[in-house]
Amino acid sequence: MPLTLPREGSRERQVLDLICTGISNKQIGHELGISPRTVEIHRKKAMRRIGATSGTHAVALIYAATIDDLNEQLDRARALQCHCELGGQE
């Protein structure tokens, strides 16, 4: 089942993105202008949404989903290229 990340620009997504950089809740709060406690709340909701059991697990899931998405895009581009090449030979 594909990973469904929180929508782009949401606080949960912003917190997840910053978790991936390895900074602390306090630093995330400073970066976003919110309290560390609010970061903890968004972090908990986001991790529950993606099924992560820890910050490290969340990062692994996000990176795996990103790689899967990039591979799908590459496969579509290759299929389109093959289609175009075949169309030119007909």
N, C-alpha and C. Protein backbone atom coordinates (compact mmCIF):
# COMPACT_ATOMS: atom_id res chain seq x y z
N MET A 1 0.85 -1.18 0.00
CA MET A 1 0.00 0.00 0.00
C MET A 1 0.89 1.24 0.00
N PRO A 2 0.65 2.18 -0.91
CA PRO A 2 1.50 3.37 -0.97
C PRO A 2 1.32 4.25 0.26
N LEU A 3 2.39 4.90 0.63
CA LEU A 3 2.39 5.79 1.78
C LEU A 3 1.68 7.08 1.41
N THR A 4 0.75 7.50 2.25
CA THR A 4 0.05 8.76 2.03
C THR A 4 0.59 9.78 3.03
N LEU A 5 1.35 10.72 2.53
CA LEU A 5 1.91 11.77 3.38
C LEU A 5 0.86 12.84 3.63
N PRO A 6 1.00 13.57 4.74
CA PRO A 6 0.12 14.72 4.95
C PRO A 6 0.26 15.69 3.77
N ARG A 7 -0.79 16.45 3.52
CA ARG A 7 -0.76 17.34 2.34
C ARG A 7 0.38 18.36 2.45
N GLU A 8 0.89 18.71 1.29
CA GLU A 8 1.99 19.68 1.19
C GLU A 8 1.59 20.99 1.86
N GLY A 9 2.48 21.52 2.68
CA GLY A 9 2.24 22.81 3.33
C GLY A 9 1.55 22.70 4.69
N SER A 10 0.99 21.52 5.01
CA SER A 10 0.35 21.38 6.32
C SER A 10 1.43 21.35 7.41
N ARG A 11 1.05 21.66 8.63
CA ARG A 11 2.02 21.63 9.74
C ARG A 11 2.59 20.23 9.92
N GLU A 12 1.72 19.21 9.79
CA GLU A 12 2.22 17.85 9.93
C GLU A 12 3.30 17.57 8.89
N ARG A 13 3.07 18.00 7.66
CA ARG A 13 4.05 17.77 6.60
C ARG A 13 5.32 18.56 6.86
N GLN A 14 5.18 19.81 7.30
CA GLN A 14 6.36 20.63 7.60
C GLN A 14 7.19 19.98 8.70
N VAL A 15 6.51 19.47 9.72
CA VAL A 15 7.22 18.81 10.82
C VAL A 15 7.92 17.55 10.30
N LEU A 16 7.22 16.74 9.51
CA LEU A 16 7.84 15.54 8.95
C LEU A 16 9.07 15.88 8.11
N ASP A 17 8.94 16.90 7.28
CA ASP A 17 10.07 17.31 6.44
C ASP A 17 11.27 17.69 7.31
N LEU A 18 11.02 18.39 8.41
CA LEU A 18 12.11 18.80 9.29
C LEU A 18 12.65 17.64 10.12
N ILE A 19 11.80 16.67 10.45
CA ILE A 19 12.28 15.47 11.13
C ILE A 19 13.34 14.80 10.26
N CYS A 20 13.10 14.80 8.95
CA CYS A 20 14.04 14.16 8.01
C CYS A 20 15.40 14.85 7.98
N THR A 21 15.47 16.08 8.45
CA THR A 21 16.76 16.77 8.49
C THR A 21 17.55 16.42 9.74
N GLY A 22 16.87 15.77 10.70
CA GLY A 22 17.56 15.33 11.90
C GLY A 22 17.59 16.35 13.03
N ILE A 23 16.84 17.43 12.92
CA ILE A 23 16.87 18.43 13.99
C ILE A 23 15.86 18.07 15.08
N SER A 24 16.05 18.64 16.25
CA SER A 24 15.23 18.34 17.42
C SER A 24 13.87 19.03 17.35
N ASN A 25 12.94 18.58 18.22
CA ASN A 25 11.63 19.23 18.30
C ASN A 25 11.77 20.71 18.64
N LYS A 26 12.70 21.03 19.52
CA LYS A 26 12.92 22.43 19.90
C LYS A 26 13.37 23.24 18.68
N GLN A 27 14.28 22.68 17.88
CA GLN A 27 14.76 23.37 16.68
C GLN A 27 13.65 23.48 15.63
N ILE A 28 12.84 22.42 15.51
CA ILE A 28 11.71 22.46 14.57
C ILE A 28 10.75 23.56 14.99
N GLY A 29 10.46 23.62 16.29
CA GLY A 29 9.56 24.66 16.80
C GLY A 29 10.08 26.05 16.50
N HIS A 30 11.37 26.26 16.70
CA HIS A 30 11.98 27.56 16.41
C HIS A 30 11.86 27.88 14.92
N GLU A 31 12.14 26.89 14.08
CA GLU A 31 12.08 27.07 12.63
C GLU A 31 10.66 27.43 12.16
N LEU A 32 9.65 26.81 12.77
CA LEU A 32 8.26 27.03 12.35
C LEU A 32 7.53 28.08 13.17
N GLY A 33 8.17 28.57 14.24
CA GLY A 33 7.54 29.59 15.08
C GLY A 33 6.43 29.02 15.95
N ILE A 34 6.60 27.76 16.38
CA ILE A 34 5.63 27.11 17.26
C ILE A 34 6.39 26.50 18.44
N SER A 35 5.65 26.14 19.48
CA SER A 35 6.30 25.58 20.67
C SER A 35 6.74 24.14 20.42
N PRO A 36 7.74 23.68 21.15
CA PRO A 36 8.15 22.28 21.04
C PRO A 36 7.00 21.31 21.34
N ARG A 37 6.11 21.69 22.26
CA ARG A 37 4.95 20.84 22.58
C ARG A 37 4.03 20.72 21.37
N THR A 38 3.82 21.81 20.66
CA THR A 38 3.00 21.78 19.45
C THR A 38 3.67 20.92 18.39
N VAL A 39 5.00 21.00 18.30
CA VAL A 39 5.74 20.13 17.38
C VAL A 39 5.47 18.67 17.73
N GLU A 40 5.52 18.34 19.02
CA GLU A 40 5.27 16.96 19.46
C GLU A 40 3.89 16.48 19.03
N ILE A 41 2.90 17.34 19.13
CA ILE A 41 1.53 16.98 18.73
C ILE A 41 1.47 16.71 17.23
N HIS A 42 2.03 17.62 16.43
CA HIS A 42 2.02 17.43 14.97
C HIS A 42 2.84 16.20 14.58
N ARG A 43 3.94 16.00 15.26
CA ARG A 43 4.81 14.84 14.99
C ARG A 43 4.06 13.54 15.26
N LYS A 44 3.38 13.49 16.40
CA LYS A 44 2.64 12.28 16.77
C LYS A 44 1.53 11.99 15.75
N LYS A 45 0.78 13.02 15.36
CA LYS A 45 -0.30 12.83 14.38
C LYS A 45 0.26 12.37 13.03
N ALA A 46 1.35 13.00 12.59
CA ALA A 46 1.94 12.67 11.30
C ALA A 46 2.50 11.25 11.31
N MET A 47 3.15 10.87 12.39
CA MET A 47 3.72 9.53 12.48
C MET A 47 2.62 8.47 12.53
N ARG A 48 1.54 8.77 13.21
CA ARG A 48 0.40 7.84 13.24
C ARG A 48 -0.18 7.71 11.82
N ARG A 49 -0.28 8.82 11.11
CA ARG A 49 -0.84 8.82 9.76
C ARG A 49 -0.03 7.93 8.80
N ILE A 50 1.29 7.96 8.92
CA ILE A 50 2.13 7.19 8.01
C ILE A 50 2.50 5.81 8.57
N GLY A 51 2.11 5.54 9.82
CA GLY A 51 2.37 4.25 10.41
C GLY A 51 3.78 4.08 10.95
N ALA A 52 4.42 5.17 11.30
CA ALA A 52 5.79 5.12 11.83
C ALA A 52 5.77 4.92 13.34
N THR A 53 6.74 4.15 13.82
CA THR A 53 6.83 3.90 15.25
C THR A 53 7.92 4.73 15.93
N SER A 54 8.73 5.42 15.13
CA SER A 54 9.79 6.27 15.68
C SER A 54 10.17 7.30 14.62
N GLY A 55 10.96 8.27 15.03
CA GLY A 55 11.43 9.26 14.06
C GLY A 55 12.26 8.62 12.96
N THR A 56 13.10 7.68 13.34
CA THR A 56 13.94 6.99 12.35
C THR A 56 13.07 6.19 11.38
N HIS A 57 12.05 5.53 11.91
CA HIS A 57 11.13 4.77 11.07
C HIS A 57 10.40 5.71 10.11
N ALA A 58 9.99 6.88 10.58
CA ALA A 58 9.32 7.86 9.72
C ALA A 58 10.22 8.28 8.57
N VAL A 59 11.48 8.56 8.87
CA VAL A 59 12.43 8.96 7.83
C VAL A 59 12.59 7.84 6.81
N ALA A 60 12.72 6.60 7.28
CA ALA A 60 12.87 5.46 6.37
C ALA A 60 11.65 5.31 5.47
N LEU A 61 10.45 5.44 6.04
CA LEU A 61 9.22 5.33 5.25
C LEU A 61 9.12 6.43 4.20
N ILE A 62 9.47 7.65 4.61
CA ILE A 62 9.39 8.78 3.69
C ILE A 62 10.39 8.63 2.55
N TYR A 63 11.62 8.25 2.87
CA TYR A 63 12.62 8.05 1.82
C TYR A 63 12.24 6.91 0.89
N ALA A 64 11.71 5.81 1.44
CA ALA A 64 11.28 4.69 0.60
C ALA A 64 10.15 5.11 -0.33
N ALA A 65 9.20 5.88 0.20
CA ALA A 65 8.08 6.36 -0.63
C ALA A 65 8.59 7.30 -1.73
N THR A 66 9.56 8.13 -1.39
CA THR A 66 10.13 9.05 -2.37
C THR A 66 10.84 8.29 -3.48
N ILE A 67 11.60 7.27 -3.11
CA ILE A 67 12.30 6.45 -4.11
C ILE A 67 11.30 5.72 -4.99
N ASP A 68 10.25 5.15 -4.38
CA ASP A 68 9.21 4.46 -5.15
C ASP A 68 8.56 5.42 -6.15
N ASP A 69 8.26 6.64 -5.69
CA ASP A 69 7.64 7.63 -6.57
C ASP A 69 8.57 8.00 -7.72
N LEU A 70 9.84 8.19 -7.43
CA LEU A 70 10.82 8.51 -8.48
C LEU A 70 10.95 7.36 -9.47
N ASN A 71 10.95 6.13 -8.98
CA ASN A 71 11.02 4.97 -9.87
C ASN A 71 9.80 4.88 -10.78
N GLU A 72 8.62 5.17 -10.24
CA GLU A 72 7.39 5.17 -11.05
C GLU A 72 7.47 6.24 -12.13
N GLN A 73 7.97 7.42 -11.78
CA GLN A 73 8.11 8.49 -12.77
C GLN A 73 9.10 8.10 -13.86
N LEU A 74 10.20 7.46 -13.45
CA LEU A 74 11.20 7.01 -14.41
C LEU A 74 10.62 5.94 -15.34
N ASP A 75 9.85 5.00 -14.79
CA ASP A 75 9.21 3.97 -15.60
C ASP A 75 8.26 4.58 -16.62
N ARG A 76 7.47 5.57 -16.20
CA ARG A 76 6.54 6.24 -17.12
C ARG A 76 7.30 6.97 -18.23
N ALA A 77 8.41 7.62 -17.85
CA ALA A 77 9.21 8.33 -18.85
C ALA A 77 9.82 7.36 -19.85
N ARG A 78 10.29 6.23 -19.37
CA ARG A 78 10.86 5.22 -20.27
C ARG A 78 9.79 4.65 -21.20
N ALA A 79 8.60 4.39 -20.66
CA ALA A 79 7.50 3.87 -21.48
C ALA A 79 7.12 4.88 -22.55
N LEU A 80 7.08 6.14 -22.19
CA LEU A 80 6.75 7.19 -23.16
C LEU A 80 7.83 7.29 -24.23
N GLN A 81 9.08 7.19 -23.83
CA GLN A 81 10.19 7.24 -24.78
C GLN A 81 10.10 6.07 -25.76
N CYS A 82 9.83 4.87 -25.25
CA CYS A 82 9.70 3.69 -26.12
C CYS A 82 8.54 3.87 -27.08
N HIS A 83 7.42 4.38 -26.57
CA HIS A 83 6.25 4.61 -27.40
C HIS A 83 6.57 5.60 -28.52
N CYS A 84 7.27 6.65 -28.17
CA CYS A 84 7.64 7.66 -29.18
C CYS A 84 8.59 7.08 -30.20
N GLU A 85 9.55 6.27 -29.77
CA GLU A 85 10.50 5.66 -30.69
C GLU A 85 9.79 4.68 -31.62
N LEU A 86 8.86 3.91 -31.10
CA LEU A 86 8.11 2.97 -31.92
C LEU A 86 7.20 3.70 -32.90
N GLY A 87 6.63 4.78 -32.45
CA GLY A 87 5.75 5.56 -33.33
C GLY A 87 6.50 6.17 -34.48
N GLY A 88 7.75 6.49 -34.29
CA GLY A 88 8.56 7.08 -35.35
C GLY A 88 8.97 6.06 -36.41
N GLN A 89 8.96 4.75 -36.07
CA GLN A 89 9.38 3.72 -37.00
C GLN A 89 8.24 3.17 -37.82
N GLU A 90 7.01 3.45 -37.43
CA GLU A 90 5.86 2.88 -38.14
C GLU A 90 5.60 3.60 -39.43
